[in-house]
Amino acid sequence: MGSINSHFKKEVFEPYVGLLKAQYRFHPVFSNAKKVWEGKLNFDALVNGPYLERAQLYAEGDALESLPLHEGTIKTIKDSVRFLWKR
């Protein structure tokens, strides 16, 4: 029987990293950014950081429209939220 750590890596961590790699796509122009990002998808960085945690409830902040964001960014966020709620 393997250790809890190796079982966790195989059953939780590796599928999670696979999901991250499949979910986020980079345009070929940004291939270097993709390489850097995938280089950070390692066990020590993800498990020891705040990336794997159960959902937390956070206090509501300012309305999205009141933040100093580009209009395109606000639209992308709203579209993403709508997409996630449809699932």
Protein backbone atom coordinates (compact mmCIF):
# COMPACT_ATOMS: atom_id res chain seq x y z
CA MET A 1 0.00 0.00 0.00
CA GLY A 2 1.37 3.39 -1.01
CA SER A 3 1.77 6.37 1.24
CA ILE A 4 -1.02 8.88 1.70
CA ASN A 5 1.16 11.43 -0.09
CA SER A 6 1.61 9.26 -3.20
CA HIS A 7 -2.08 8.32 -3.17
CA PHE A 8 -3.02 12.01 -2.95
CA LYS A 9 -0.69 12.87 -5.83
CA LYS A 10 -2.15 10.14 -8.04
CA GLU A 11 -5.84 10.46 -7.15
CA VAL A 12 -6.20 14.21 -6.51
CA PHE A 13 -3.22 16.26 -7.61
CA GLU A 14 -2.51 14.80 -11.05
CA PRO A 15 -6.15 14.96 -12.21
CA TYR A 16 -6.36 18.52 -10.84
CA VAL A 17 -3.29 19.61 -12.80
CA GLY A 18 -4.67 17.89 -15.89
CA LEU A 19 -7.89 19.85 -15.46
CA LEU A 20 -6.00 23.12 -15.11
CA LYS A 21 -3.97 22.43 -18.25
CA ALA A 22 -7.09 21.52 -20.23
CA GLN A 23 -9.18 24.40 -18.91
CA TYR A 24 -6.75 27.24 -19.61
CA ARG A 25 -5.55 27.63 -23.17
CA PHE A 26 -2.88 30.02 -24.36
CA HIS A 27 -2.67 31.59 -27.80
CA PRO A 28 0.52 30.41 -29.58
CA VAL A 29 1.87 33.97 -29.37
CA PHE A 30 2.06 33.50 -25.60
CA SER A 31 3.87 30.15 -25.66
CA ASN A 32 6.52 31.42 -23.25
CA ALA A 33 3.84 32.49 -20.74
CA LYS A 34 2.29 29.02 -21.07
CA LYS A 35 5.65 27.37 -20.37
CA VAL A 36 6.20 29.53 -17.27
CA TRP A 37 2.63 28.89 -16.04
CA GLU A 38 2.88 25.13 -16.53
CA GLY A 39 6.25 25.19 -14.76
CA LYS A 40 4.46 26.48 -11.68
CA LEU A 41 1.96 23.60 -11.73
CA ASN A 42 4.03 21.43 -9.44
CA PHE A 43 3.13 19.64 -6.25
CA ASP A 44 5.09 21.88 -3.87
CA ALA A 45 3.69 25.12 -5.29
CA LEU A 46 0.06 24.05 -5.50
CA VAL A 47 -0.33 21.97 -2.37
CA ASN A 48 1.56 24.35 -0.09
CA GLY A 49 -0.20 27.41 -1.45
CA PRO A 50 -3.79 28.56 -1.13
CA TYR A 51 -4.74 26.94 -4.45
CA LEU A 52 -6.22 23.71 -3.10
CA GLU A 53 -8.68 24.68 -0.44
CA ARG A 54 -12.32 24.16 0.30
CA ALA A 55 -14.63 26.95 -0.76
CA GLN A 56 -14.67 29.92 1.55
CA LEU A 57 -17.27 32.58 1.98
CA TYR A 58 -15.83 36.01 1.47
CA ALA A 59 -17.29 39.41 2.26
CA GLU A 60 -18.83 41.18 -0.69
CA GLY A 61 -16.84 44.03 -2.11
CA ASP A 62 -17.54 46.92 -4.43
CA ALA A 63 -19.64 46.42 -7.53
CA LEU A 64 -17.67 45.22 -10.54
CA GLU A 65 -18.54 48.35 -12.50
CA SER A 66 -17.04 50.59 -9.81
CA LEU A 67 -13.60 48.97 -10.07
CA PRO A 68 -10.94 50.60 -12.28
CA LEU A 69 -11.11 47.91 -14.97
CA HIS A 70 -11.22 48.10 -18.75
CA GLU A 71 -14.71 47.61 -20.23
CA GLY A 72 -13.54 44.45 -22.01
CA THR A 73 -12.32 43.00 -18.74
CA ILE A 74 -15.65 43.66 -17.05
CA LYS A 75 -17.48 42.00 -19.97
CA THR A 76 -15.18 38.97 -19.82
CA ILE A 77 -15.79 38.56 -16.08
CA LYS A 78 -19.56 38.85 -16.49
CA ASP A 79 -19.57 36.37 -19.39
CA SER A 80 -17.47 33.91 -17.37
CA VAL A 81 -19.78 34.13 -14.38
CA ARG A 82 -22.83 33.58 -16.60
CA PHE A 83 -21.14 30.56 -18.19
CA LEU A 84 -20.25 29.03 -14.82
CA TRP A 85 -23.80 29.47 -13.47
CA LYS A 86 -25.24 27.69 -16.53
CA ARG A 87 -23.33 24.50 -15.69
